PDB file of N, CA and C in Angstrom:
ATOM      1  N   MET A   1       1.634 -14.515   0.761  1.00  0.00           N
ATOM      2  CA  MET A   1       2.121 -13.894  -0.584  1.00  0.00           C
ATOM      3  C   MET A   1       3.147 -12.925  -0.440  1.00  0.00           C
ATOM      4  N   THR A   2       3.813 -12.607  -1.234  1.00  0.00           N
ATOM      5  CA  THR A   2       5.075 -11.891  -1.195  1.00  0.00           C
ATOM      6  C   THR A   2       4.381 -10.342  -1.791  1.00  0.00           C
ATOM      7  N   ALA A   3       5.249  -9.444  -1.464  1.00  0.00           N
ATOM      8  CA  ALA A   3       4.870  -7.809  -1.980  1.00  0.00           C
ATOM      9  C   ALA A   3       5.017  -8.126  -3.532  1.00  0.00           C
ATOM     10  N   ILE A   4       6.000  -8.739  -4.074  1.00  0.00           N
ATOM     11  CA  ILE A   4       5.901  -9.061  -5.485  1.00  0.00           C
ATOM     12  C   ILE A   4       4.998  -9.303  -6.090  1.00  0.00           C
ATOM     13  N   GLN A   5       4.497 -10.569  -5.323  1.00  0.00           N
ATOM     14  CA  GLN A   5       2.963 -11.228  -5.790  1.00  0.00           C
ATOM     15  C   GLN A   5       1.729 -10.274  -5.637  1.00  0.00           C
ATOM     16  N   ILE A   6       1.758  -9.593  -4.853  1.00  0.00           N
ATOM     17  CA  ILE A   6       0.726  -8.508  -4.397  1.00  0.00           C
ATOM     18  C   ILE A   6       0.842  -7.604  -5.557  1.00  0.00           C
ATOM     19  N   ILE A   7       1.840  -6.701  -5.945  1.00  0.00           N
ATOM     20  CA  ILE A   7       2.226  -5.965  -7.030  1.00  0.00           C
ATOM     21  C   ILE A   7       1.772  -6.615  -8.149  1.00  0.00           C
ATOM     22  N   GLN A   8       2.243  -7.916  -8.722  1.00  0.00           N
ATOM     23  CA  GLN A   8       1.635  -8.384  -9.835  1.00  0.00           C
ATOM     24  C   GLN A   8       0.038  -8.681  -9.982  1.00  0.00           C
ATOM     25  N   GLU A   9      -0.571  -9.096  -8.606  1.00  0.00           N
ATOM     26  CA  GLU A   9      -1.736  -9.147  -8.843  1.00  0.00           C
ATOM     27  C   GLU A   9      -2.623  -7.557  -9.046  1.00  0.00           C
ATOM     28  N   ILE A  10      -2.016  -6.659  -8.563  1.00  0.00           N
ATOM     29  CA  ILE A  10      -2.832  -5.393  -8.742  1.00  0.00           C
ATOM     30  C   ILE A  10      -2.779  -5.236 -10.114  1.00  0.00           C
ATOM     31  N   GLU A  11      -1.380  -5.370 -10.630  1.00  0.00           N
ATOM     32  CA  GLU A  11      -1.490  -4.988 -12.124  1.00  0.00           C
ATOM     33  C   GLU A  11      -2.140  -5.837 -13.160  1.00  0.00           C
ATOM     34  N   THR A  12      -2.851  -6.750 -12.535  1.00  0.00           N
ATOM     35  CA  THR A  12      -3.824  -7.429 -13.399  1.00  0.00           C
ATOM     36  C   THR A  12      -5.223  -6.925 -13.233  1.00  0.00           C
ATOM     37  N   LEU A  13      -5.406  -6.257 -12.196  1.00  0.00           N
ATOM     38  CA  LEU A  13      -6.617  -5.483 -12.044  1.00  0.00           C
ATOM     39  C   LEU A  13      -7.167  -4.778 -13.163  1.00  0.00           C
ATOM     40  N   PRO A  14      -8.488  -4.356 -12.888  1.00  0.00           N
ATOM     41  CA  PRO A  14      -8.823  -3.460 -14.220  1.00  0.00           C
ATOM     42  C   PRO A  14      -8.301  -1.956 -14.059  1.00  0.00           C
ATOM     43  N   LEU A  15      -8.055  -1.095 -14.697  1.00  0.00           N
ATOM     44  CA  LEU A  15      -7.517   0.062 -14.452  1.00  0.00           C
ATOM     45  C   LEU A  15      -7.891   1.022 -13.268  1.00  0.00           C
ATOM     46  N   GLU A  16      -9.606   0.626 -13.198  1.00  0.00           N
ATOM     47  CA  GLU A  16     -10.124   1.781 -12.233  1.00  0.00           C
ATOM     48  C   GLU A  16      -9.828   1.337 -10.608  1.00  0.00           C
ATOM     49  N   GLU A  17      -9.799  -0.340 -10.566  1.00  0.00           N
ATOM     50  CA  GLU A  17      -9.407  -0.482  -9.324  1.00  0.00           C
ATOM     51  C   GLU A  17      -8.046  -0.415  -9.058  1.00  0.00           C
ATOM     52  N   GLN A  18      -6.742  -0.404  -9.911  1.00  0.00           N
ATOM     53  CA  GLN A  18      -5.429  -0.166  -9.725  1.00  0.00           C
ATOM     54  C   GLN A  18      -5.539   1.529  -8.936  1.00  0.00           C
ATOM     55  N   ARG A  19      -6.439   2.167 -10.004  1.00  0.00           N
ATOM     56  CA  ARG A  19      -6.083   3.377  -9.415  1.00  0.00           C
ATOM     57  C   ARG A  19      -6.747   3.669  -7.966  1.00  0.00           C
ATOM     58  N   ALA A  20      -7.955   2.821  -7.744  1.00  0.00           N
ATOM     59  CA  ALA A  20      -8.377   3.042  -6.337  1.00  0.00           C
ATOM     60  C   ALA A  20      -7.397   2.759  -5.344  1.00  0.00           C
ATOM     61  N   VAL A  21      -6.849   1.642  -5.619  1.00  0.00           N
ATOM     62  CA  VAL A  21      -5.781   1.371  -4.844  1.00  0.00           C
ATOM     63  C   VAL A  21      -4.831   2.499  -4.536  1.00  0.00           C
ATOM     64  N   PHE A  22      -4.086   2.583  -5.525  1.00  0.00           N
ATOM     65  CA  PHE A  22      -2.863   3.815  -5.738  1.00  0.00           C
ATOM     66  C   PHE A  22      -3.353   5.120  -4.700  1.00  0.00           C
ATOM     67  N   VAL A  23      -4.569   5.629  -5.413  1.00  0.00           N
ATOM     68  CA  VAL A  23      -5.115   6.745  -4.537  1.00  0.00           C
ATOM     69  C   VAL A  23      -5.083   6.669  -3.388  1.00  0.00           C
ATOM     70  N   SER A  24      -5.829   5.578  -2.563  1.00  0.00           N
ATOM     71  CA  SER A  24      -5.744   5.082  -1.311  1.00  0.00           C
ATOM     72  C   SER A  24      -4.546   5.047  -0.437  1.00  0.00           C
ATOM     73  N   LEU A  25      -3.523   4.510  -1.247  1.00  0.00           N
ATOM     74  CA  LEU A  25      -2.221   4.583  -0.549  1.00  0.00           C
ATOM     75  C   LEU A  25      -1.292   5.827  -0.645  1.00  0.00           C
ATOM     76  N   GLN A  26      -1.679   6.651  -1.663  1.00  0.00           N
ATOM     77  CA  GLN A  26      -0.984   8.113  -1.700  1.00  0.00           C
ATOM     78  C   GLN A  26      -1.815   8.967  -0.729  1.00  0.00           C
ATOM     79  N   GLU A  27      -3.021   8.838  -0.306  1.00  0.00           N
ATOM     80  CA  GLU A  27      -3.820   9.581   0.365  1.00  0.00           C
ATOM     81  C   GLU A  27      -3.199   9.419   1.904  1.00  0.00           C
ATOM     82  N   ARG A  28      -2.919   8.053   2.061  1.00  0.00           N
ATOM     83  CA  ARG A  28      -2.453   7.859   3.578  1.00  0.00           C
ATOM     84  C   ARG A  28      -1.138   8.123   3.745  1.00  0.00           C
ATOM     85  N   LEU A  29      -0.333   8.288   2.520  1.00  0.00           N
ATOM     86  CA  LEU A  29       1.111   8.499   2.685  1.00  0.00           C
ATOM     87  C   LEU A  29       1.183   9.947   2.892  1.00  0.00           C
ATOM     88  N   LYS A  30       0.379  10.713   2.037  1.00  0.00           N
ATOM     89  CA  LYS A  30       0.561  12.367   2.255  1.00  0.00           C
ATOM     90  C   LYS A  30      -0.045  12.611   3.737  1.00  0.00           C
ATOM     91  N   GLY A  31      -0.757  12.139   4.056  1.00  0.00           N
ATOM     92  CA  GLY A  31      -1.135  12.323   5.615  1.00  0.00           C
ATOM     93  C   GLY A  31      -0.279  12.072   6.769  1.00  0.00           C
ATOM     94  N   GLU A  32       1.052  11.114   6.559  1.00  0.00           N
ATOM     95  CA  GLU A  32       1.706  10.821   7.570  1.00  0.00           C
ATOM     96  C   GLU A  32       2.618  11.716   7.762  1.00  0.00           C
ATOM     97  N   LYS A  33       3.003  12.251   8.881  1.00  0.00           N
ATOM     98  CA  LYS A  33       4.400  13.005   8.857  1.00  0.00           C
ATOM     99  C   LYS A  33       5.550  12.294   9.396  1.00  0.00           C
ATOM    100  N   ALA A  34       5.295  10.806   9.836  1.00  0.00           N
ATOM    101  CA  ALA A  34       6.184   9.916  10.245  1.00  0.00           C
ATOM    102  C   ALA A  34       6.943   9.464   9.177  1.00  0.00           C
ATOM    103  N   ILE A  35       6.901   9.560   7.984  1.00  0.00           N
ATOM    104  CA  ILE A  35       7.373   9.048   6.887  1.00  0.00           C
ATOM    105  C   ILE A  35       8.589   9.335   6.637  1.00  0.00           C
ATOM    106  N   SER A  36       9.670   8.237   6.653  1.00  0.00           N
ATOM    107  CA  SER A  36      11.150   8.731   6.578  1.00  0.00           C
ATOM    108  C   SER A  36      11.516   8.156   5.173  1.00  0.00           C
ATOM    109  N   THR A  37      12.633   8.598   5.140  1.00  0.00           N
ATOM    110  CA  THR A  37      13.525   7.990   3.950  1.00  0.00           C
ATOM    111  C   THR A  37      14.310   7.027   4.007  1.00  0.00           C
ATOM    112  N   ALA A  38      14.456   6.176   3.283  1.00  0.00           N
ATOM    113  CA  ALA A  38      15.040   5.040   3.494  1.00  0.00           C
ATOM    114  C   ALA A  38      16.791   5.304   3.571  1.00  0.00           C
ATOM    115  N   ALA A  39      17.373   4.478   3.515  1.00  0.00           N
ATOM    116  CA  ALA A  39      18.870   4.880   3.810  1.00  0.00           C
ATOM    117  C   ALA A  39      19.679   5.174   2.407  1.00  0.00           C
ATOM    118  N   SER A  40      18.838   4.451   1.331  1.00  0.00           N
ATOM    119  CA  SER A  40      19.427   4.693   0.014  1.00  0.00           C
ATOM    120  C   SER A  40      18.188   5.667  -0.422  1.00  0.00           C
ATOM    121  N   THR A  41      18.493   6.950  -0.521  1.00  0.00           N
ATOM    122  CA  THR A  41      17.515   7.699  -0.923  1.00  0.00           C
ATOM    123  C   THR A  41      17.437   7.847  -2.666  1.00  0.00           C
ATOM    124  N   SER A  42      18.487   7.142  -3.328  1.00  0.00           N
ATOM    125  CA  SER A  42      18.227   7.166  -4.773  1.00  0.00           C
ATOM    126  C   SER A  42      16.976   6.272  -5.078  1.00  0.00           C
ATOM    127  N   THR A  43      16.517   5.569  -4.590  1.00  0.00           N
ATOM    128  CA  THR A  43      15.523   4.678  -5.075  1.00  0.00           C
ATOM    129  C   THR A  43      14.052   5.632  -4.712  1.00  0.00           C
ATOM    130  N   GLY A  44      14.026   6.478  -3.940  1.00  0.00           N
ATOM    131  CA  GLY A  44      12.890   7.202  -3.784  1.00  0.00           C
ATOM    132  C   GLY A  44      11.677   6.656  -3.023  1.00  0.00           C
ATOM    133  N   VAL A  45      12.118   5.454  -2.401  1.00  0.00           N
ATOM    134  CA  VAL A  45      11.089   4.618  -1.578  1.00  0.00           C
ATOM    135  C   VAL A  45      11.029   5.125  -0.347  1.00  0.00           C
ATOM    136  N   ARG A  46       9.957   5.297   0.253  1.00  0.00           N
ATOM    137  CA  ARG A  46       9.349   5.905   1.609  1.00  0.00           C
ATOM    138  C   ARG A  46       9.070   4.778   2.647  1.00  0.00           C
ATOM    139  N   TYR A  47       9.418   4.942   3.704  1.00  0.00           N
ATOM    140  CA  TYR A  47       8.819   3.893   4.810  1.00  0.00           C
ATOM    141  C   TYR A  47       7.936   4.791   6.051  1.00  0.00           C
ATOM    142  N   LEU A  48       7.033   4.002   6.309  1.00  0.00           N
ATOM    143  CA  LEU A  48       6.492   4.338   7.539  1.00  0.00           C
ATOM    144  C   LEU A  48       7.185   3.524   8.755  1.00  0.00           C
ATOM    145  N   ASP A  49       7.283   4.378   9.856  1.00  0.00           N
ATOM    146  CA  ASP A  49       7.898   3.598  11.019  1.00  0.00           C
ATOM    147  C   ASP A  49       7.070   2.633  11.592  1.00  0.00           C
ATOM    148  N   ARG A  50       7.439   1.637  12.041  1.00  0.00           N
ATOM    149  CA  ARG A  50       6.559   0.662  12.621  1.00  0.00           C
ATOM    150  C   ARG A  50       5.449   0.962  13.278  1.00  0.00           C
ATOM    151  N   GLU A  51       5.582   1.811  14.473  1.00  0.00           N
ATOM    152  CA  GLU A  51       4.165   2.579  15.195  1.00  0.00           C
ATOM    153  C   GLU A  51       3.272   3.291  14.425  1.00  0.00           C
ATOM    154  N   THR A  52       3.874   3.979  13.401  1.00  0.00           N
ATOM    155  CA  THR A  52       2.805   4.476  12.565  1.00  0.00           C
ATOM    156  C   THR A  52       2.040   3.408  11.705  1.00  0.00           C
ATOM    157  N   ALA A  53       2.669   2.446  11.280  1.00  0.00           N
ATOM    158  CA  ALA A  53       2.125   1.385  10.091  1.00  0.00           C
ATOM    159  C   ALA A  53       1.207   0.711  10.950  1.00  0.00           C
ATOM    160  N   ARG A  54       1.669   0.330  12.027  1.00  0.00           N
ATOM    161  CA  ARG A  54       0.531  -0.811  12.457  1.00  0.00           C
ATOM    162  C   ARG A  54      -0.672  -0.493  12.799  1.00  0.00           C
ATOM    163  N   PRO A  55      -1.183   0.677  13.049  1.00  0.00           N
ATOM    164  CA  PRO A  55      -2.687   0.873  12.988  1.00  0.00           C
ATOM    165  C   PRO A  55      -3.392   1.349  11.722  1.00  0.00           C
ATOM    166  N   LEU A  56      -2.435   1.709  10.953  1.00  0.00           N
ATOM    167  CA  LEU A  56      -3.339   1.681   9.669  1.00  0.00           C
ATOM    168  C   LEU A  56      -3.224   0.217   8.838  1.00  0.00           C
ATOM    169  N   ILE A  57      -2.691  -0.738   9.123  1.00  0.00           N
ATOM    170  CA  ILE A  57      -2.896  -1.925   8.612  1.00  0.00           C
ATOM    171  C   ILE A  57      -4.320  -2.613   8.707  1.00  0.00           C
ATOM    172  N   LYS A  58      -4.870  -2.626  10.049  1.00  0.00           N
ATOM    173  CA  LYS A  58      -6.444  -3.143   9.790  1.00  0.00           C
ATOM    174  C   LYS A  58      -7.148  -2.320   8.876  1.00  0.00           C
ATOM    175  N   GLU A  59      -6.996  -0.944   9.248  1.00  0.00           N
ATOM    176  CA  GLU A  59      -7.818   0.064   8.186  1.00  0.00           C
ATOM    177  C   GLU A  59      -7.717  -0.251   6.962  1.00  0.00           C
ATOM    178  N   ILE A  60      -6.526  -0.472   6.081  1.00  0.00           N
ATOM    179  CA  ILE A  60      -6.340  -0.596   5.078  1.00  0.00           C
ATOM    180  C   ILE A  60      -7.030  -1.865   4.505  1.00  0.00           C
ATOM    181  N   LEU A  61      -6.515  -3.040   5.269  1.00  0.00           N
ATOM    182  CA  LEU A  61      -7.482  -4.566   5.042  1.00  0.00           C
ATOM    183  C   LEU A  61      -8.660  -4.414   5.042  1.00  0.00           C
ATOM    184  N   THR A  62      -9.415  -3.693   5.965  1.00  0.00           N
ATOM    185  CA  THR A  62     -10.820  -3.620   6.188  1.00  0.00           C
ATOM    186  C   THR A  62     -11.161  -2.593   5.055  1.00  0.00           C
ATOM    187  N   GLU A  63     -10.789  -1.753   4.640  1.00  0.00           N
ATOM    188  CA  GLU A  63     -11.090  -1.001   3.586  1.00  0.00           C
ATOM    189  C   GLU A  63     -11.201  -1.324   2.159  1.00  0.00           C
ATOM    190  N   HIS A  64     -10.249  -2.223   1.993  1.00  0.00           N
ATOM    191  CA  HIS A  64      -9.960  -2.740   0.850  1.00  0.00           C
ATOM    192  C   HIS A  64     -10.177  -4.233   0.759  1.00  0.00           C
ATOM    193  N   ALA A  65     -11.175  -4.820   1.477  1.00  0.00           N
ATOM    194  CA  ALA A  65     -11.241  -6.437   1.954  1.00  0.00           C
ATOM    195  C   ALA A  65     -11.613  -6.976   0.542  1.00  0.00           C
ATOM    196  N   ASP A  66     -12.309  -6.535  -0.455  1.00  0.00           N
ATOM    197  CA  ASP A  66     -12.615  -7.160  -1.543  1.00  0.00           C
ATOM    198  C   ASP A  66     -11.316  -7.311  -2.662  1.00  0.00           C
ATOM    199  N   LEU A  67     -10.738  -6.502  -2.605  1.00  0.00           N
ATOM    200  CA  LEU A  67      -9.345  -6.285  -3.464  1.00  0.00           C
ATOM    201  C   LEU A  67      -8.489  -7.359  -2.653  1.00  0.00           C
ATOM    202  N   PHE A  68      -8.368  -7.569  -1.564  1.00  0.00           N
ATOM    203  CA  PHE A  68      -7.203  -8.367  -0.802  1.00  0.00           C
ATOM    204  C   PHE A  68      -7.957  -9.788  -1.042  1.00  0.00           C
ATOM    205  N   ARG A  69      -8.953 -10.029  -1.089  1.00  0.00           N
ATOM    206  CA  ARG A  69      -9.900 -11.290  -1.358  1.00  0.00           C
ATOM    207  C   ARG A  69      -9.796 -11.619  -3.036  1.00  0.00           C
ATOM    208  N   LYS A  70      -9.521 -10.791  -3.842  1.00  0.00           N
ATOM    209  CA  LYS A  70      -9.182 -11.042  -5.007  1.00  0.00           C
ATOM    210  C   LYS A  70      -7.726 -11.611  -5.276  1.00  0.00           C
ATOM    211  N   LEU A  71      -6.694 -10.813  -4.345  1.00  0.00           N
ATOM    212  CA  LEU A  71      -5.376 -10.981  -4.559  1.00  0.00           C
ATOM    213  C   LEU A  71      -5.152 -12.570  -3.884  1.00  0.00           C
ATOM    214  N   ALA A  72      -5.932 -12.779  -2.865  1.00  0.00           N
ATOM    215  CA  ALA A  72      -5.552 -14.129  -2.218  1.00  0.00           C
ATOM    216  C   ALA A  72      -5.832 -15.158  -3.065  1.00  0.00           C
ATOM    217  N   GLN A  73      -6.981 -14.924  -3.992  1.00  0.00           N
ATOM    218  CA  GLN A  73      -7.190 -16.161  -4.839  1.00  0.00           C
ATOM    219  C   GLN A  73      -5.859 -16.853  -5.747  1.00  0.00           C
TER     220      GLN A  73
END
């Protein structure tokens, strides 16, 4: 599943579930000091470096397992 497909699936969720996903992601991003700005800062997209992102992946997938099961359907 691509990132675009995941975003489209999130958009189909009820608003409460969408908010829960976004709040969780925002909290994680706020707490990370290793966030760097992409080469093109005009997009406003921020990225985690690989070493910072790796340990978070399992935690995010575990915490939101039900959501990802719905997205996979």
